[in-house]
Amino acid sequence: MRKAILPSLIIIAASLLVIRIFYLQIINDSFKLKSDNNAIKIKYDYPERGYIYDRNGKLLVANQPSYDIMVIPKDVKKLDTLEFCQLLDITKEDFLKK
């Protein structure tokens, strides 16, 4: 009887750990969502450049913001072309150009 208690406790503890690991990795996806949100957020902060003037004080080069739009194709459900063009302030013809 005493010889069976220790191995049975080890088997029970190991099986409880395996069940808990299975639950956390397969069934409960909250940790996966947290890790995806943590891993995918990328934000670049570019420094503002200085202004360049000529010797007469005329402004030659100024700062102009530009933006990059990146889309993950599998995350796009249905694309409303007109609404997308309005958001970007472009015409539909500019959007359809390749």
N, C-alpha and C. Protein backbone atom coordinates (compact mmCIF):
# COMPACT_ATOMS: atom_id res chain seq x y z
N MET A 1 0.83 -1.19 0.00
CA MET A 1 0.00 0.00 0.00
C MET A 1 0.87 1.25 0.00
N ARG A 2 1.91 1.28 0.84
CA ARG A 2 2.78 2.45 0.93
C ARG A 2 3.57 2.65 -0.36
N LYS A 3 3.92 1.56 -1.01
CA LYS A 3 4.68 1.66 -2.26
C LYS A 3 3.84 2.26 -3.38
N ALA A 4 2.56 2.18 -3.30
CA ALA A 4 1.67 2.68 -4.35
C ALA A 4 1.28 4.14 -4.15
N ILE A 5 1.42 4.70 -2.96
CA ILE A 5 0.99 6.07 -2.67
C ILE A 5 1.86 7.09 -3.39
N LEU A 6 3.18 6.99 -3.28
CA LEU A 6 4.08 7.97 -3.91
C LEU A 6 3.97 7.97 -5.44
N PRO A 7 4.02 6.82 -6.10
CA PRO A 7 3.85 6.84 -7.57
C PRO A 7 2.48 7.36 -8.00
N SER A 8 1.45 7.02 -7.24
CA SER A 8 0.11 7.51 -7.61
C SER A 8 0.01 9.02 -7.43
N LEU A 9 0.64 9.59 -6.38
CA LEU A 9 0.64 11.04 -6.20
C LEU A 9 1.41 11.73 -7.34
N ILE A 10 2.51 11.14 -7.75
CA ILE A 10 3.29 11.71 -8.86
C ILE A 10 2.48 11.66 -10.15
N ILE A 11 1.81 10.57 -10.40
CA ILE A 11 0.98 10.44 -11.62
C ILE A 11 -0.18 11.42 -11.59
N ILE A 12 -0.82 11.57 -10.44
CA ILE A 12 -1.94 12.51 -10.32
C ILE A 12 -1.45 13.95 -10.52
N ALA A 13 -0.32 14.31 -9.90
CA ALA A 13 0.21 15.67 -10.04
C ALA A 13 0.62 15.95 -11.49
N ALA A 14 1.26 14.98 -12.12
CA ALA A 14 1.67 15.15 -13.52
C ALA A 14 0.47 15.28 -14.44
N SER A 15 -0.54 14.46 -14.19
CA SER A 15 -1.74 14.54 -15.04
C SER A 15 -2.47 15.86 -14.83
N LEU A 16 -2.51 16.38 -13.59
CA LEU A 16 -3.12 17.69 -13.35
C LEU A 16 -2.35 18.79 -14.08
N LEU A 17 -1.03 18.72 -14.07
CA LEU A 17 -0.23 19.70 -14.79
C LEU A 17 -0.47 19.62 -16.30
N VAL A 18 -0.55 18.42 -16.84
CA VAL A 18 -0.80 18.25 -18.28
C VAL A 18 -2.19 18.79 -18.64
N ILE A 19 -3.17 18.51 -17.81
CA ILE A 19 -4.52 19.02 -18.07
C ILE A 19 -4.54 20.55 -18.03
N ARG A 20 -3.86 21.13 -17.06
CA ARG A 20 -3.81 22.60 -16.95
C ARG A 20 -3.09 23.22 -18.15
N ILE A 21 -1.99 22.63 -18.57
CA ILE A 21 -1.27 23.13 -19.74
C ILE A 21 -2.14 23.02 -20.98
N PHE A 22 -2.86 21.91 -21.15
CA PHE A 22 -3.77 21.74 -22.27
C PHE A 22 -4.85 22.81 -22.26
N TYR A 23 -5.40 23.07 -21.10
CA TYR A 23 -6.44 24.09 -20.98
C TYR A 23 -5.92 25.47 -21.36
N LEU A 24 -4.74 25.83 -20.86
CA LEU A 24 -4.20 27.16 -21.13
C LEU A 24 -3.78 27.34 -22.59
N GLN A 25 -3.29 26.30 -23.23
CA GLN A 25 -2.78 26.44 -24.59
C GLN A 25 -3.83 26.19 -25.66
N ILE A 26 -4.76 25.30 -25.42
CA ILE A 26 -5.72 24.91 -26.45
C ILE A 26 -7.09 25.54 -26.23
N ILE A 27 -7.64 25.39 -25.07
CA ILE A 27 -9.02 25.82 -24.82
C ILE A 27 -9.13 27.31 -24.55
N ASN A 28 -8.35 27.82 -23.63
CA ASN A 28 -8.41 29.23 -23.26
C ASN A 28 -7.47 30.02 -24.16
N ASP A 29 -8.02 30.91 -25.00
CA ASP A 29 -7.17 31.64 -25.95
C ASP A 29 -6.91 33.09 -25.52
N SER A 30 -7.16 33.43 -24.27
CA SER A 30 -6.93 34.81 -23.83
C SER A 30 -5.45 35.16 -23.83
N PHE A 31 -4.59 34.21 -23.46
CA PHE A 31 -3.16 34.49 -23.49
C PHE A 31 -2.64 34.62 -24.91
N LYS A 32 -3.22 33.87 -25.83
CA LYS A 32 -2.82 33.98 -27.25
C LYS A 32 -3.20 35.36 -27.78
N LEU A 33 -4.37 35.84 -27.44
CA LEU A 33 -4.79 37.16 -27.90
C LEU A 33 -3.91 38.25 -27.31
N LYS A 34 -3.54 38.11 -26.04
CA LYS A 34 -2.66 39.09 -25.43
C LYS A 34 -1.29 39.09 -26.09
N SER A 35 -0.77 37.92 -26.40
CA SER A 35 0.55 37.86 -27.03
C SER A 35 0.50 38.38 -28.45
N ASP A 36 -0.59 38.12 -29.18
CA ASP A 36 -0.72 38.66 -30.54
C ASP A 36 -0.80 40.18 -30.52
N ASN A 37 -1.56 40.72 -29.59
CA ASN A 37 -1.66 42.18 -29.49
C ASN A 37 -0.33 42.80 -29.10
N ASN A 38 0.42 42.12 -28.28
CA ASN A 38 1.71 42.63 -27.85
C ASN A 38 2.74 42.53 -28.97
N ALA A 39 2.66 41.50 -29.78
CA ALA A 39 3.67 41.26 -30.80
C ALA A 39 3.43 42.05 -32.08
N ILE A 40 2.21 42.40 -32.39
CA ILE A 40 1.91 43.00 -33.68
C ILE A 40 1.95 44.51 -33.65
N LYS A 41 1.74 45.12 -32.51
CA LYS A 41 1.74 46.58 -32.45
C LYS A 41 3.14 47.13 -32.71
N ILE A 42 3.28 47.78 -33.84
CA ILE A 42 4.55 48.41 -34.20
C ILE A 42 4.25 49.86 -34.52
N LYS A 43 4.97 50.73 -33.88
CA LYS A 43 4.78 52.15 -34.14
C LYS A 43 6.14 52.79 -34.33
N TYR A 44 6.30 53.44 -35.47
CA TYR A 44 7.54 54.14 -35.76
C TYR A 44 7.33 55.62 -35.51
N ASP A 45 8.27 56.23 -34.84
CA ASP A 45 8.20 57.65 -34.55
C ASP A 45 9.43 58.30 -35.17
N TYR A 46 9.22 58.89 -36.34
CA TYR A 46 10.34 59.49 -37.05
C TYR A 46 10.57 60.92 -36.55
N PRO A 47 11.81 61.31 -36.35
CA PRO A 47 12.08 62.67 -35.88
C PRO A 47 11.82 63.69 -36.99
N GLU A 48 11.47 64.87 -36.57
CA GLU A 48 11.22 65.94 -37.53
C GLU A 48 12.54 66.55 -37.95
N ARG A 49 12.69 66.73 -39.25
CA ARG A 49 13.92 67.31 -39.77
C ARG A 49 13.85 68.83 -39.66
N GLY A 50 14.99 69.46 -39.77
CA GLY A 50 15.04 70.91 -39.70
C GLY A 50 14.72 71.55 -41.04
N TYR A 51 14.46 72.83 -41.03
CA TYR A 51 14.19 73.59 -42.24
C TYR A 51 15.52 74.01 -42.88
N ILE A 52 15.53 74.06 -44.21
CA ILE A 52 16.73 74.47 -44.92
C ILE A 52 16.42 75.77 -45.67
N TYR A 53 17.22 76.78 -45.40
CA TYR A 53 17.05 78.08 -46.03
C TYR A 53 18.26 78.36 -46.92
N ASP A 54 18.04 79.16 -47.96
CA ASP A 54 19.20 79.60 -48.74
C ASP A 54 19.81 80.83 -48.08
N ARG A 55 20.85 81.37 -48.69
CA ARG A 55 21.57 82.48 -48.06
C ARG A 55 20.76 83.76 -48.01
N ASN A 56 19.67 83.85 -48.79
CA ASN A 56 18.81 85.02 -48.77
C ASN A 56 17.64 84.87 -47.80
N GLY A 57 17.58 83.74 -47.10
CA GLY A 57 16.51 83.51 -46.13
C GLY A 57 15.26 82.88 -46.73
N LYS A 58 15.33 82.46 -47.99
CA LYS A 58 14.18 81.81 -48.63
C LYS A 58 14.16 80.34 -48.23
N LEU A 59 12.97 79.87 -47.85
CA LEU A 59 12.81 78.49 -47.41
C LEU A 59 12.93 77.56 -48.61
N LEU A 60 13.88 76.63 -48.56
CA LEU A 60 14.07 75.66 -49.64
C LEU A 60 13.39 74.33 -49.35
N VAL A 61 13.56 73.83 -48.13
CA VAL A 61 13.03 72.52 -47.76
C VAL A 61 12.33 72.63 -46.42
N ALA A 62 11.09 72.11 -46.38
CA ALA A 62 10.32 72.10 -45.14
C ALA A 62 9.87 70.67 -44.86
N ASN A 63 9.34 70.46 -43.69
CA ASN A 63 8.84 69.13 -43.31
C ASN A 63 7.46 68.91 -43.91
N GLN A 64 7.26 67.70 -44.41
CA GLN A 64 5.95 67.33 -44.92
C GLN A 64 5.68 65.89 -44.46
N PRO A 65 4.62 65.69 -43.69
CA PRO A 65 4.37 64.32 -43.21
C PRO A 65 3.94 63.41 -44.36
N SER A 66 4.38 62.18 -44.30
CA SER A 66 3.93 61.16 -45.25
C SER A 66 3.60 59.91 -44.45
N TYR A 67 2.66 59.15 -44.94
CA TYR A 67 2.17 58.00 -44.19
C TYR A 67 2.26 56.74 -45.04
N ASP A 68 2.55 55.64 -44.39
CA ASP A 68 2.54 54.32 -45.02
C ASP A 68 1.32 53.58 -44.50
N ILE A 69 0.58 52.99 -45.42
CA ILE A 69 -0.57 52.19 -45.02
C ILE A 69 -0.23 50.73 -45.27
N MET A 70 -0.32 49.94 -44.22
CA MET A 70 -0.03 48.51 -44.33
C MET A 70 -1.26 47.74 -43.90
N VAL A 71 -1.60 46.73 -44.70
CA VAL A 71 -2.80 45.95 -44.46
C VAL A 71 -2.42 44.47 -44.45
N ILE A 72 -2.97 43.74 -43.52
CA ILE A 72 -2.81 42.29 -43.51
C ILE A 72 -4.00 41.73 -44.28
N PRO A 73 -3.77 41.13 -45.45
CA PRO A 73 -4.88 40.71 -46.33
C PRO A 73 -5.89 39.79 -45.65
N LYS A 74 -5.45 38.91 -44.78
CA LYS A 74 -6.41 37.99 -44.15
C LYS A 74 -7.33 38.70 -43.17
N ASP A 75 -6.97 39.91 -42.71
CA ASP A 75 -7.80 40.65 -41.77
C ASP A 75 -8.85 41.52 -42.46
N VAL A 76 -8.74 41.71 -43.77
CA VAL A 76 -9.68 42.55 -44.51
C VAL A 76 -10.90 41.71 -44.85
N LYS A 77 -12.05 42.14 -44.38
CA LYS A 77 -13.29 41.39 -44.63
C LYS A 77 -13.89 41.80 -45.98
N LYS A 78 -14.60 42.90 -46.00
CA LYS A 78 -15.16 43.43 -47.24
C LYS A 78 -14.68 44.86 -47.37
N LEU A 79 -14.22 45.22 -48.53
CA LEU A 79 -13.66 46.54 -48.75
C LEU A 79 -14.66 47.40 -49.50
N ASP A 80 -15.09 48.49 -48.89
CA ASP A 80 -15.94 49.46 -49.55
C ASP A 80 -15.01 50.49 -50.20
N THR A 81 -14.91 50.42 -51.52
CA THR A 81 -13.93 51.23 -52.25
C THR A 81 -14.19 52.72 -52.08
N LEU A 82 -15.44 53.13 -52.16
CA LEU A 82 -15.75 54.56 -52.04
C LEU A 82 -15.41 55.10 -50.65
N GLU A 83 -15.75 54.34 -49.61
CA GLU A 83 -15.42 54.78 -48.26
C GLU A 83 -13.91 54.82 -48.04
N PHE A 84 -13.21 53.83 -48.60
CA PHE A 84 -11.75 53.80 -48.49
C PHE A 84 -11.13 55.01 -49.18
N CYS A 85 -11.63 55.36 -50.36
CA CYS A 85 -11.11 56.53 -51.08
C CYS A 85 -11.40 57.83 -50.33
N GLN A 86 -12.55 57.91 -49.71
CA GLN A 86 -12.87 59.11 -48.93
C GLN A 86 -11.97 59.23 -47.71
N LEU A 87 -11.65 58.11 -47.07
CA LEU A 87 -10.76 58.16 -45.92
C LEU A 87 -9.37 58.64 -46.30
N LEU A 88 -8.91 58.21 -47.48
CA LEU A 88 -7.57 58.59 -47.93
C LEU A 88 -7.56 59.90 -48.72
N ASP A 89 -8.73 60.44 -48.97
CA ASP A 89 -8.88 61.68 -49.73
C ASP A 89 -8.25 61.56 -51.12
N ILE A 90 -8.63 60.46 -51.80
CA ILE A 90 -8.19 60.24 -53.17
C ILE A 90 -9.41 59.92 -54.02
N THR A 91 -9.25 59.99 -55.33
CA THR A 91 -10.35 59.66 -56.23
C THR A 91 -10.35 58.15 -56.48
N LYS A 92 -11.47 57.67 -56.98
CA LYS A 92 -11.57 56.25 -57.27
C LYS A 92 -10.62 55.87 -58.41
N GLU A 93 -10.41 56.78 -59.35
CA GLU A 93 -9.50 56.51 -60.46
C GLU A 93 -8.06 56.35 -59.96
N ASP A 94 -7.67 57.18 -58.97
CA ASP A 94 -6.34 57.04 -58.39
C ASP A 94 -6.18 55.70 -57.68
N PHE A 95 -7.24 55.23 -57.06
CA PHE A 95 -7.20 53.95 -56.36
C PHE A 95 -7.07 52.80 -57.35
N LEU A 96 -7.74 52.91 -58.49
CA LEU A 96 -7.73 51.80 -59.46
C LEU A 96 -6.46 51.76 -60.30
N LYS A 97 -5.66 52.82 -60.27
CA LYS A 97 -4.39 52.80 -61.00
C LYS A 97 -3.46 51.80 -60.36
N LYS A 98 -2.68 51.14 -61.19
CA LYS A 98 -1.75 50.14 -60.64
C LYS A 98 -0.35 50.67 -60.62
